[in-house]
């Protein structure tokens, strides 16, 4: 079940973000440019954020399943619980980013969005979605990597090392460039779970 839920999260989030993210302005863009973005893409942002919120709900299942699987391979549950905490931290920041971004789109639709408010909402959402969620994702990936390096039956060694490197990068400002790789890693891990399963836990 964890693997299926992980793939569903990847698809929902990728589709939801793809509806609007390619047209978003850069951080620090003029307030008028941000206002035009929210006005032109309001429907896409609302639909996309709704899909991302659904992905967030499924991510709770992924986090719970990952914790159960890690506990089967770990001597104790320190890293399993840390991974779960990191996942929830990422989820909280991600939900905040999506809802704040959606506020900008909703206010643009009813004509009450000012350039200054739009820019504030956009930049807060951006920092939460990348830097804030990135810390949680980093903690999650580092915890999974720690267990995988100890119990080599969990994941291939190359993937465990990749998780270590990417996890470290996520807790730095580089996190804003790692959304694509994180979705790819989640998809790969989900496929591996579907193929191999885990002792004592449904995959």
N, C-alpha and C. Protein backbone atom coordinates (compact mmCIF):
# COMPACT_ATOMS: atom_id res chain seq x y z
N UNK A 1 0.82 -1.21 0.00
CA UNK A 1 0.00 0.00 0.00
C UNK A 1 0.87 1.27 0.00
N UNK A 2 2.00 1.20 0.72
CA UNK A 2 2.88 2.38 0.78
C UNK A 2 3.41 2.74 -0.60
N UNK A 3 3.80 1.73 -1.37
CA UNK A 3 4.32 1.99 -2.72
C UNK A 3 3.29 2.61 -3.63
N UNK A 4 2.07 2.09 -3.60
CA UNK A 4 0.99 2.63 -4.43
C UNK A 4 0.70 4.08 -4.04
N UNK A 5 0.62 4.33 -2.73
CA UNK A 5 0.36 5.69 -2.26
C UNK A 5 1.48 6.63 -2.66
N UNK A 6 2.73 6.15 -2.62
CA UNK A 6 3.86 6.99 -3.02
C UNK A 6 3.79 7.38 -4.47
N UNK A 7 3.44 6.44 -5.34
CA UNK A 7 3.29 6.76 -6.76
C UNK A 7 2.15 7.74 -6.98
N UNK A 8 1.06 7.57 -6.24
CA UNK A 8 -0.08 8.49 -6.37
C UNK A 8 0.31 9.90 -5.96
N UNK A 9 1.12 10.02 -4.90
CA UNK A 9 1.60 11.34 -4.46
C UNK A 9 2.41 11.99 -5.56
N UNK A 10 3.30 11.23 -6.17
CA UNK A 10 4.14 11.77 -7.25
C UNK A 10 3.28 12.28 -8.40
N UNK A 11 2.33 11.48 -8.83
CA UNK A 11 1.49 11.86 -9.97
C UNK A 11 0.64 13.09 -9.64
N UNK A 12 -0.03 13.07 -8.50
CA UNK A 12 -0.91 14.19 -8.14
C UNK A 12 -0.13 15.49 -7.99
N UNK A 13 1.01 15.42 -7.30
CA UNK A 13 1.78 16.64 -7.07
C UNK A 13 2.39 17.15 -8.36
N UNK A 14 2.90 16.25 -9.19
CA UNK A 14 3.51 16.67 -10.45
C UNK A 14 2.48 17.31 -11.37
N UNK A 15 1.30 16.70 -11.47
CA UNK A 15 0.24 17.27 -12.31
C UNK A 15 -0.23 18.60 -11.74
N UNK A 16 -0.49 18.63 -10.43
CA UNK A 16 -0.97 19.86 -9.80
C UNK A 16 -0.01 21.02 -9.96
N UNK A 17 1.27 20.77 -9.73
CA UNK A 17 2.27 21.83 -9.86
C UNK A 17 2.49 22.21 -11.32
N UNK A 18 2.42 21.21 -12.20
CA UNK A 18 2.65 21.48 -13.61
C UNK A 18 1.60 22.37 -14.25
N UNK A 19 0.43 22.47 -13.64
CA UNK A 19 -0.63 23.31 -14.20
C UNK A 19 -0.27 24.79 -14.19
N UNK A 20 0.59 25.19 -13.25
CA UNK A 20 0.86 26.62 -13.12
C UNK A 20 2.32 27.00 -12.90
N UNK A 21 3.14 26.06 -12.42
CA UNK A 21 4.48 26.44 -11.95
C UNK A 21 5.42 26.88 -13.06
N UNK A 22 5.19 26.43 -14.29
CA UNK A 22 6.10 26.82 -15.37
C UNK A 22 5.97 28.30 -15.73
N UNK A 23 4.86 28.91 -15.35
CA UNK A 23 4.64 30.32 -15.67
C UNK A 23 4.88 31.25 -14.49
N UNK A 24 5.29 30.69 -13.35
CA UNK A 24 5.46 31.55 -12.18
C UNK A 24 6.67 32.46 -12.33
N UNK A 25 6.60 33.66 -11.78
CA UNK A 25 7.75 34.57 -11.85
C UNK A 25 8.86 34.15 -10.90
N UNK A 26 10.01 34.75 -11.06
CA UNK A 26 11.12 34.49 -10.16
C UNK A 26 10.87 35.19 -8.82
N UNK A 27 11.47 34.64 -7.78
CA UNK A 27 11.42 35.32 -6.48
C UNK A 27 12.09 36.69 -6.61
N UNK A 28 11.45 37.71 -6.07
CA UNK A 28 11.97 39.06 -6.20
C UNK A 28 11.46 39.79 -7.42
N UNK A 29 10.57 39.14 -8.18
CA UNK A 29 9.99 39.80 -9.36
C UNK A 29 9.17 41.01 -8.92
N UNK A 30 9.00 41.99 -9.81
CA UNK A 30 8.19 43.17 -9.46
C UNK A 30 6.77 42.76 -9.05
N UNK A 31 6.20 43.53 -8.14
CA UNK A 31 4.88 43.21 -7.61
C UNK A 31 3.82 43.13 -8.71
N UNK A 32 3.91 43.98 -9.71
CA UNK A 32 2.94 43.97 -10.81
C UNK A 32 3.02 42.67 -11.61
N UNK A 33 4.22 42.15 -11.77
CA UNK A 33 4.39 40.88 -12.49
C UNK A 33 3.74 39.74 -11.72
N UNK A 34 3.91 39.75 -10.41
CA UNK A 34 3.29 38.71 -9.58
C UNK A 34 1.77 38.83 -9.63
N UNK A 35 1.26 40.05 -9.60
CA UNK A 35 -0.19 40.25 -9.70
C UNK A 35 -0.73 39.70 -11.01
N UNK A 36 -0.04 39.95 -12.10
CA UNK A 36 -0.47 39.43 -13.41
C UNK A 36 -0.43 37.90 -13.42
N UNK A 37 0.57 37.34 -12.75
CA UNK A 37 0.66 35.88 -12.66
C UNK A 37 -0.57 35.30 -11.98
N UNK A 38 -0.92 35.84 -10.82
CA UNK A 38 -2.08 35.34 -10.10
C UNK A 38 -3.37 35.56 -10.89
N UNK A 39 -3.46 36.68 -11.56
CA UNK A 39 -4.67 36.98 -12.33
C UNK A 39 -4.81 36.05 -13.53
N UNK A 40 -3.72 35.83 -14.24
CA UNK A 40 -3.77 35.02 -15.46
C UNK A 40 -3.91 33.53 -15.17
N UNK A 41 -3.34 33.09 -14.06
CA UNK A 41 -3.29 31.64 -13.78
C UNK A 41 -4.12 31.25 -12.56
N UNK A 42 -5.09 32.07 -12.19
CA UNK A 42 -5.82 31.81 -10.95
C UNK A 42 -6.52 30.45 -10.95
N UNK A 43 -7.18 30.12 -12.04
CA UNK A 43 -7.89 28.84 -12.10
C UNK A 43 -6.92 27.67 -12.01
N UNK A 44 -5.82 27.75 -12.76
CA UNK A 44 -4.82 26.68 -12.74
C UNK A 44 -4.21 26.52 -11.36
N UNK A 45 -3.97 27.64 -10.67
CA UNK A 45 -3.39 27.58 -9.33
C UNK A 45 -4.36 26.92 -8.36
N UNK A 46 -5.63 27.28 -8.43
CA UNK A 46 -6.63 26.71 -7.52
C UNK A 46 -6.78 25.20 -7.75
N UNK A 47 -6.88 24.81 -9.01
CA UNK A 47 -7.01 23.38 -9.33
C UNK A 47 -5.74 22.63 -8.94
N UNK A 48 -4.59 23.21 -9.30
CA UNK A 48 -3.32 22.56 -8.99
C UNK A 48 -3.09 22.44 -7.50
N UNK A 49 -3.40 23.48 -6.75
CA UNK A 49 -3.22 23.42 -5.30
C UNK A 49 -4.15 22.39 -4.68
N UNK A 50 -5.36 22.26 -5.21
CA UNK A 50 -6.29 21.25 -4.71
C UNK A 50 -5.75 19.84 -4.90
N UNK A 51 -5.14 19.60 -6.07
CA UNK A 51 -4.52 18.30 -6.32
C UNK A 51 -3.33 18.08 -5.38
N UNK A 52 -2.56 19.13 -5.13
CA UNK A 52 -1.42 19.01 -4.23
C UNK A 52 -1.87 18.75 -2.80
N UNK A 53 -2.98 19.35 -2.39
CA UNK A 53 -3.51 19.09 -1.05
C UNK A 53 -3.96 17.63 -0.92
N UNK A 54 -4.55 17.09 -1.98
CA UNK A 54 -4.91 15.67 -1.99
C UNK A 54 -3.66 14.81 -1.89
N UNK A 55 -2.61 15.21 -2.62
CA UNK A 55 -1.33 14.49 -2.52
C UNK A 55 -0.80 14.54 -1.09
N UNK A 56 -1.00 15.67 -0.43
CA UNK A 56 -0.56 15.80 0.95
C UNK A 56 -1.27 14.84 1.88
N UNK A 57 -2.57 14.65 1.66
CA UNK A 57 -3.32 13.70 2.47
C UNK A 57 -2.79 12.29 2.28
N UNK A 58 -2.49 11.92 1.05
CA UNK A 58 -1.93 10.60 0.78
C UNK A 58 -0.51 10.45 1.34
N UNK A 59 0.19 11.58 1.43
CA UNK A 59 1.57 11.53 1.93
C UNK A 59 1.61 11.11 3.40
N UNK A 60 0.53 11.37 4.14
CA UNK A 60 0.45 10.89 5.52
C UNK A 60 0.51 9.36 5.54
N UNK A 61 -0.20 8.74 4.61
CA UNK A 61 -0.16 7.28 4.49
C UNK A 61 1.25 6.80 4.12
N UNK A 62 1.89 7.50 3.20
CA UNK A 62 3.27 7.15 2.82
C UNK A 62 4.20 7.25 4.03
N UNK A 63 4.07 8.34 4.79
CA UNK A 63 4.93 8.54 5.96
C UNK A 63 4.71 7.45 7.00
N UNK A 64 3.45 7.09 7.22
CA UNK A 64 3.15 6.04 8.20
C UNK A 64 3.68 4.69 7.73
N UNK A 65 3.49 4.40 6.45
CA UNK A 65 4.00 3.14 5.91
C UNK A 65 5.51 3.08 5.95
N UNK A 66 6.17 4.19 5.63
CA UNK A 66 7.63 4.24 5.67
C UNK A 66 8.14 3.99 7.08
N UNK A 67 7.46 4.58 8.06
CA UNK A 67 7.87 4.36 9.45
C UNK A 67 7.76 2.88 9.82
N UNK A 68 6.66 2.23 9.43
CA UNK A 68 6.48 0.81 9.75
C UNK A 68 7.55 -0.04 9.08
N UNK A 69 7.87 0.28 7.82
CA UNK A 69 8.88 -0.49 7.10
C UNK A 69 10.27 -0.29 7.70
N UNK A 70 10.61 0.96 8.02
CA UNK A 70 11.93 1.23 8.60
C UNK A 70 12.11 0.53 9.94
N UNK A 71 11.04 0.46 10.73
CA UNK A 71 11.13 -0.20 12.03
C UNK A 71 11.44 -1.69 11.88
N UNK A 72 11.03 -2.29 10.77
CA UNK A 72 11.31 -3.70 10.54
C UNK A 72 12.80 -3.95 10.29
N UNK A 73 13.50 -2.94 9.79
CA UNK A 73 14.91 -3.09 9.44
C UNK A 73 15.84 -2.48 10.47
N UNK A 74 15.32 -1.63 11.34
CA UNK A 74 16.15 -0.90 12.29
C UNK A 74 16.17 -1.59 13.64
N UNK A 75 17.30 -1.50 14.33
CA UNK A 75 17.40 -1.98 15.70
C UNK A 75 16.91 -0.87 16.61
N UNK A 76 15.62 -0.86 16.89
CA UNK A 76 14.98 0.24 17.59
C UNK A 76 14.09 1.00 16.63
N UNK A 77 13.72 2.22 16.99
CA UNK A 77 12.87 2.99 16.09
C UNK A 77 13.27 4.46 16.01
N UNK A 78 14.53 4.78 16.34
CA UNK A 78 14.97 6.17 16.34
C UNK A 78 14.86 6.79 14.96
N UNK A 79 15.46 6.13 13.95
CA UNK A 79 15.45 6.70 12.61
C UNK A 79 14.06 6.60 11.97
N UNK A 80 13.32 5.55 12.30
CA UNK A 80 11.97 5.42 11.78
C UNK A 80 11.09 6.56 12.26
N UNK A 81 11.20 6.88 13.55
CA UNK A 81 10.41 7.98 14.11
C UNK A 81 10.89 9.32 13.59
N UNK A 82 12.21 9.47 13.42
CA UNK A 82 12.75 10.72 12.87
C UNK A 82 12.29 10.92 11.44
N UNK A 83 12.27 9.84 10.66
CA UNK A 83 11.78 9.92 9.28
C UNK A 83 10.32 10.37 9.25
N UNK A 84 9.52 9.81 10.14
CA UNK A 84 8.11 10.18 10.22
C UNK A 84 7.96 11.65 10.59
N UNK A 85 8.77 12.10 11.55
CA UNK A 85 8.72 13.51 11.93
C UNK A 85 9.13 14.43 10.79
N UNK A 86 10.18 14.03 10.04
CA UNK A 86 10.60 14.82 8.90
C UNK A 86 9.52 14.91 7.84
N UNK A 87 8.83 13.78 7.61
CA UNK A 87 7.75 13.77 6.62
C UNK A 87 6.63 14.71 7.03
N UNK A 88 6.27 14.70 8.31
CA UNK A 88 5.20 15.59 8.77
C UNK A 88 5.64 17.05 8.72
N UNK A 89 6.91 17.32 9.01
CA UNK A 89 7.43 18.68 8.91
C UNK A 89 7.34 19.17 7.46
N UNK A 90 7.74 18.32 6.52
CA UNK A 90 7.65 18.69 5.11
C UNK A 90 6.20 18.90 4.70
N UNK A 91 5.32 18.04 5.18
CA UNK A 91 3.91 18.14 4.84
C UNK A 91 3.30 19.43 5.37
N UNK A 92 3.63 19.79 6.61
CA UNK A 92 3.08 21.01 7.19
C UNK A 92 3.52 22.24 6.40
N UNK A 93 4.80 22.29 6.04
CA UNK A 93 5.29 23.43 5.26
C UNK A 93 4.67 23.43 3.87
N UNK A 94 4.53 22.26 3.26
CA UNK A 94 3.94 22.17 1.93
C UNK A 94 2.48 22.59 1.91
N UNK A 95 1.72 22.15 2.91
CA UNK A 95 0.31 22.55 2.99
C UNK A 95 0.19 24.06 3.19
N UNK A 96 1.08 24.61 4.01
CA UNK A 96 1.08 26.06 4.19
C UNK A 96 1.35 26.78 2.88
N UNK A 97 2.33 26.30 2.13
CA UNK A 97 2.68 26.93 0.86
C UNK A 97 1.53 26.86 -0.13
N UNK A 98 0.89 25.71 -0.24
CA UNK A 98 -0.20 25.55 -1.20
C UNK A 98 -1.40 26.41 -0.84
N UNK A 99 -1.76 26.46 0.44
CA UNK A 99 -2.93 27.25 0.83
C UNK A 99 -2.67 28.74 0.69
N UNK A 100 -1.47 29.18 1.03
CA UNK A 100 -1.15 30.60 0.87
C UNK A 100 -1.16 30.99 -0.60
N UNK A 101 -0.61 30.13 -1.45
CA UNK A 101 -0.63 30.39 -2.89
C UNK A 101 -2.06 30.43 -3.41
N UNK A 102 -2.90 29.54 -2.89
CA UNK A 102 -4.29 29.51 -3.31
C UNK A 102 -5.03 30.79 -2.89
N UNK A 103 -4.67 31.34 -1.74
CA UNK A 103 -5.28 32.61 -1.31
C UNK A 103 -5.01 33.69 -2.35
N UNK A 104 -3.78 33.74 -2.85
CA UNK A 104 -3.46 34.73 -3.88
C UNK A 104 -4.33 34.56 -5.11
N UNK A 105 -4.54 33.32 -5.53
CA UNK A 105 -5.37 33.06 -6.71
C UNK A 105 -6.83 33.42 -6.45
N UNK A 106 -7.33 33.08 -5.29
CA UNK A 106 -8.73 33.39 -4.95
C UNK A 106 -8.96 34.89 -4.88
N UNK A 107 -8.03 35.60 -4.28
CA UNK A 107 -8.17 37.07 -4.19
C UNK A 107 -8.04 37.71 -5.57
N UNK A 108 -7.22 37.12 -6.44
CA UNK A 108 -7.12 37.64 -7.80
C UNK A 108 -8.43 37.45 -8.55
N UNK A 109 -9.10 36.32 -8.31
CA UNK A 109 -10.36 36.06 -9.00
C UNK A 109 -11.46 37.03 -8.59
N UNK A 110 -11.48 37.43 -7.31
CA UNK A 110 -12.53 38.36 -6.89
C UNK A 110 -12.11 39.82 -7.00
N UNK A 111 -10.89 40.06 -7.53
CA UNK A 111 -10.45 41.42 -7.79
C UNK A 111 -9.91 42.17 -6.59
N UNK A 112 -9.70 41.47 -5.47
CA UNK A 112 -9.25 42.18 -4.27
C UNK A 112 -7.75 42.06 -4.01
N UNK A 113 -7.03 41.42 -4.92
CA UNK A 113 -5.60 41.25 -4.72
C UNK A 113 -4.84 42.49 -5.15
N UNK A 114 -4.05 43.05 -4.25
CA UNK A 114 -3.20 44.19 -4.58
C UNK A 114 -1.81 43.68 -4.96
N UNK A 115 -1.04 44.47 -5.69
CA UNK A 115 0.31 44.02 -6.05
C UNK A 115 1.16 43.67 -4.84
N UNK A 116 1.06 44.48 -3.79
CA UNK A 116 1.89 44.25 -2.60
C UNK A 116 1.49 42.97 -1.89
N UNK A 117 0.17 42.74 -1.74
CA UNK A 117 -0.30 41.53 -1.09
C UNK A 117 0.08 40.31 -1.93
N UNK A 118 -0.10 40.40 -3.24
CA UNK A 118 0.24 39.30 -4.11
C UNK A 118 1.70 38.90 -3.99
N UNK A 119 2.58 39.88 -3.97
CA UNK A 119 4.01 39.59 -3.87
C UNK A 119 4.33 38.94 -2.52
N UNK A 120 3.72 39.44 -1.45
CA UNK A 120 3.96 38.87 -0.12
C UNK A 120 3.50 37.41 -0.06
N UNK A 121 2.29 37.15 -0.57
CA UNK A 121 1.77 35.78 -0.57
C UNK A 121 2.66 34.86 -1.40
N UNK A 122 3.08 35.33 -2.56
CA UNK A 122 3.90 34.51 -3.44
C UNK A 122 5.24 34.16 -2.80
N UNK A 123 5.91 35.14 -2.21
CA UNK A 123 7.23 34.88 -1.66
C UNK A 123 7.17 34.04 -0.39
N UNK A 124 6.14 34.26 0.45
CA UNK A 124 5.99 33.41 1.63
C UNK A 124 5.73 31.97 1.21
N UNK A 125 4.84 31.80 0.23
CA UNK A 125 4.53 30.47 -0.28
C UNK A 125 5.78 29.79 -0.84
N UNK A 126 6.57 30.55 -1.58
CA UNK A 126 7.77 30.00 -2.20
C UNK A 126 8.76 29.51 -1.15
N UNK A 127 9.02 30.33 -0.15
CA UNK A 127 9.98 29.95 0.89
C UNK A 127 9.48 28.75 1.69
N UNK A 128 8.20 28.74 2.01
CA UNK A 128 7.65 27.58 2.73
C UNK A 128 7.75 26.31 1.89
N UNK A 129 7.39 26.43 0.62
CA UNK A 129 7.32 25.26 -0.24
C UNK A 129 8.67 24.66 -0.57
N UNK A 130 9.70 25.48 -0.63
CA UNK A 130 11.01 24.97 -0.99
C UNK A 130 11.93 24.86 0.23
N UNK A 131 12.22 25.96 0.88
CA UNK A 131 13.16 25.92 2.01
C UNK A 131 12.55 25.25 3.24
N UNK A 132 11.29 25.60 3.55
CA UNK A 132 10.65 25.01 4.73
C UNK A 132 10.42 23.52 4.56
N UNK A 133 9.74 23.14 3.48
CA UNK A 133 9.50 21.72 3.22
C UNK A 133 10.80 20.98 2.98
N UNK A 134 11.80 21.67 2.41
CA UNK A 134 13.08 21.03 2.14
C UNK A 134 13.76 20.50 3.38
N UNK A 135 13.64 21.22 4.50
CA UNK A 135 14.24 20.73 5.75
C UNK A 135 13.60 19.41 6.16
N UNK A 136 12.26 19.35 6.08
CA UNK A 136 11.58 18.11 6.43
C UNK A 136 11.94 16.96 5.51
N UNK A 137 11.99 17.24 4.21
CA UNK A 137 12.37 16.20 3.25
C UNK A 137 13.79 15.72 3.50
N UNK A 138 14.68 16.67 3.83
CA UNK A 138 16.06 16.30 4.13
C UNK A 138 16.15 15.36 5.32
N UNK A 139 15.42 15.67 6.38
CA UNK A 139 15.41 14.81 7.56
C UNK A 139 14.86 13.43 7.21
N UNK A 140 13.79 13.39 6.43
CA UNK A 140 13.21 12.12 5.99
C UNK A 140 14.22 11.28 5.21
N UNK A 141 14.84 11.89 4.20
CA UNK A 141 15.77 11.16 3.34
C UNK A 141 17.00 10.70 4.11
N UNK A 142 17.53 11.54 4.99
CA UNK A 142 18.70 11.15 5.77
C UNK A 142 18.39 9.99 6.70
N UNK A 143 17.18 9.98 7.25
CA UNK A 143 16.79 8.89 8.15
C UNK A 143 16.64 7.58 7.38
N UNK A 144 16.00 7.65 6.22
CA UNK A 144 15.87 6.44 5.39
C UNK A 144 17.24 5.94 4.97
N UNK A 145 18.12 6.86 4.59
CA UNK A 145 19.46 6.49 4.18
C UNK A 145 20.22 5.80 5.31
N UNK A 146 20.08 6.33 6.53
CA UNK A 146 20.79 5.74 7.67
C UNK A 146 20.38 4.29 7.89
N UNK A 147 19.08 4.02 7.80
CA UNK A 147 18.61 2.64 7.97
C UNK A 147 19.04 1.77 6.80
N UNK A 148 18.96 2.31 5.59
CA UNK A 148 19.30 1.54 4.40
C UNK A 148 20.78 1.18 4.37
N UNK A 149 21.64 2.07 4.87
CA UNK A 149 23.07 1.77 4.88
C UNK A 149 23.42 0.72 5.94
N UNK A 150 22.60 0.64 6.99
CA UNK A 150 22.81 -0.37 8.01
C UNK A 150 22.24 -1.72 7.59
N UNK A 151 21.04 -1.68 7.00
CA UNK A 151 20.36 -2.91 6.56
C UNK A 151 20.28 -2.90 5.04
N UNK A 152 21.24 -3.52 4.40
CA UNK A 152 21.37 -3.38 2.95
C UNK A 152 20.23 -4.04 2.19
N UNK A 153 19.41 -4.84 2.87
CA UNK A 153 18.29 -5.47 2.18
C UNK A 153 17.16 -4.48 1.92
N UNK A 154 17.18 -3.33 2.58
CA UNK A 154 16.10 -2.36 2.43
C UNK A 154 16.09 -1.72 1.05
N UNK A 155 17.23 -1.16 0.65
CA UNK A 155 17.36 -0.47 -0.63
C UNK A 155 18.73 -0.80 -1.22
N UNK A 156 18.88 -0.70 -2.54
CA UNK A 156 20.22 -0.85 -3.13
C UNK A 156 21.19 0.18 -2.54
N UNK A 157 22.45 -0.20 -2.42
CA UNK A 157 23.42 0.70 -1.79
C UNK A 157 23.54 2.03 -2.54
N UNK A 158 23.48 1.98 -3.88
CA UNK A 158 23.60 3.22 -4.65
C UNK A 158 22.47 4.18 -4.32
N UNK A 159 21.28 3.62 -4.07
CA UNK A 159 20.15 4.48 -3.75
C UNK A 159 20.26 5.03 -2.34
N UNK A 160 20.77 4.22 -1.43
CA UNK A 160 20.97 4.70 -0.06
C UNK A 160 21.96 5.86 -0.03
N UNK A 161 23.04 5.74 -0.82
CA UNK A 161 24.03 6.82 -0.89
C UNK A 161 23.43 8.05 -1.55
N UNK A 162 22.62 7.84 -2.61
CA UNK A 162 21.96 8.97 -3.27
C UNK A 162 21.04 9.70 -2.30
N UNK A 163 20.30 8.94 -1.48
CA UNK A 163 19.43 9.57 -0.49
C UNK A 163 20.23 10.39 0.51
N UNK A 164 21.40 9.89 0.88
CA UNK A 164 22.25 10.63 1.81
C UNK A 164 22.69 11.96 1.22
N UNK A 165 23.13 11.94 -0.02
CA UNK A 165 23.61 13.16 -0.68
C UNK A 165 22.47 14.16 -0.88
N UNK A 166 21.36 13.66 -1.41
CA UNK A 166 20.22 14.55 -1.67
C UNK A 166 19.63 15.06 -0.36
N UNK A 167 19.58 14.20 0.66
CA UNK A 167 19.06 14.63 1.95
C UNK A 167 19.87 15.77 2.54
N UNK A 168 21.20 15.68 2.45
CA UNK A 168 22.05 16.76 2.93
C UNK A 168 21.80 18.04 2.15
N UNK A 169 21.63 17.91 0.83
CA UNK A 169 21.40 19.09 0.00
C UNK A 169 20.07 19.76 0.34
N UNK A 170 19.09 18.96 0.74
CA UNK A 170 17.77 19.51 1.03
C UNK A 170 17.76 20.43 2.25
N UNK A 171 18.68 20.26 3.16
CA UNK A 171 18.69 21.12 4.35
C UNK A 171 19.56 22.35 4.14
N UNK A 172 19.92 22.61 2.89
CA UNK A 172 20.65 23.81 2.51
C UNK A 172 19.78 24.63 1.55
N UNK A 173 20.21 25.85 1.19
CA UNK A 173 19.44 26.63 0.21
C UNK A 173 19.30 25.95 -1.15
N UNK A 174 20.04 24.88 -1.41
CA UNK A 174 19.92 24.15 -2.66
C UNK A 174 18.56 23.48 -2.81
N UNK A 175 17.79 23.41 -1.74
CA UNK A 175 16.52 22.69 -1.77
C UNK A 175 15.58 23.21 -2.86
N UNK A 176 15.70 24.48 -3.22
CA UNK A 176 14.80 25.05 -4.22
C UNK A 176 15.03 24.46 -5.61
N UNK A 177 16.16 23.79 -5.80
CA UNK A 177 16.46 23.18 -7.09
C UNK A 177 16.21 21.67 -7.12
N UNK A 178 15.70 21.12 -6.03
CA UNK A 178 15.66 19.66 -5.88
C UNK A 178 14.26 19.07 -5.90
N UNK A 179 13.25 19.83 -6.29
CA UNK A 179 11.90 19.29 -6.30
C UNK A 179 11.78 18.11 -7.26
N UNK A 180 12.31 18.28 -8.46
CA UNK A 180 12.25 17.20 -9.45
C UNK A 180 12.96 15.94 -8.97
N UNK A 181 14.23 16.05 -8.51
CA UNK A 181 14.91 14.86 -8.00
C UNK A 181 14.19 14.18 -6.84
N UNK A 182 13.55 14.98 -5.96
CA UNK A 182 12.85 14.36 -4.83
C UNK A 182 11.66 13.55 -5.30
N UNK A 183 10.92 14.06 -6.30
CA UNK A 183 9.80 13.30 -6.84
C UNK A 183 10.29 12.03 -7.53
N UNK A 184 11.42 12.14 -8.22
CA UNK A 184 11.98 10.97 -8.89
C UNK A 184 12.40 9.91 -7.87
N UNK A 185 13.03 10.34 -6.78
CA UNK A 185 13.44 9.40 -5.74
C UNK A 185 12.23 8.73 -5.11
N UNK A 186 11.18 9.50 -4.86
CA UNK A 186 9.97 8.91 -4.28
C UNK A 186 9.36 7.88 -5.23
N UNK A 187 9.38 8.19 -6.52
CA UNK A 187 8.84 7.25 -7.50
C UNK A 187 9.68 5.97 -7.53
N UNK A 188 11.01 6.11 -7.51
CA UNK A 188 11.89 4.93 -7.54
C UNK A 188 11.68 4.08 -6.30
N UNK A 189 11.65 4.71 -5.13
CA UNK A 189 11.46 3.97 -3.88
C UNK A 189 10.10 3.28 -3.87
N UNK A 190 9.08 3.96 -4.37
CA UNK A 190 7.74 3.37 -4.42
C UNK A 190 7.71 2.12 -5.29
N UNK A 191 8.38 2.20 -6.44
CA UNK A 191 8.44 1.04 -7.34
C UNK A 191 9.18 -0.11 -6.67
N UNK A 192 10.28 0.20 -5.98
CA UNK A 192 11.02 -0.85 -5.28
C UNK A 192 10.18 -1.49 -4.19
N UNK A 193 9.39 -0.69 -3.49
CA UNK A 193 8.51 -1.25 -2.46
C UNK A 193 7.45 -2.15 -3.07
N UNK A 194 6.92 -1.75 -4.20
CA UNK A 194 5.93 -2.57 -4.88
C UNK A 194 6.53 -3.91 -5.33
N UNK A 195 7.81 -3.89 -5.69
CA UNK A 195 8.45 -5.10 -6.21
C UNK A 195 8.95 -6.02 -5.11
N UNK A 196 9.47 -5.43 -4.02
CA UNK A 196 10.14 -6.25 -3.01
C UNK A 196 9.36 -6.39 -1.72
N UNK A 197 8.57 -5.35 -1.38
CA UNK A 197 7.86 -5.40 -0.10
C UNK A 197 8.81 -5.24 1.07
N UNK A 198 8.30 -5.53 2.26
CA UNK A 198 9.11 -5.44 3.47
C UNK A 198 8.61 -6.47 4.45
N UNK A 199 9.51 -7.05 5.26
CA UNK A 199 9.08 -8.07 6.20
C UNK A 199 8.18 -7.48 7.27
N UNK A 200 7.06 -8.11 7.48
CA UNK A 200 6.17 -7.67 8.54
C UNK A 200 5.37 -6.44 8.24
N UNK A 201 5.46 -5.88 7.03
CA UNK A 201 4.70 -4.68 6.68
C UNK A 201 4.24 -4.80 5.27
N UNK A 202 3.06 -4.32 5.00
CA UNK A 202 2.55 -4.31 3.64
C UNK A 202 3.28 -3.27 2.84
N UNK A 203 3.58 -3.56 1.57
CA UNK A 203 4.23 -2.58 0.71
C UNK A 203 3.25 -2.00 -0.25
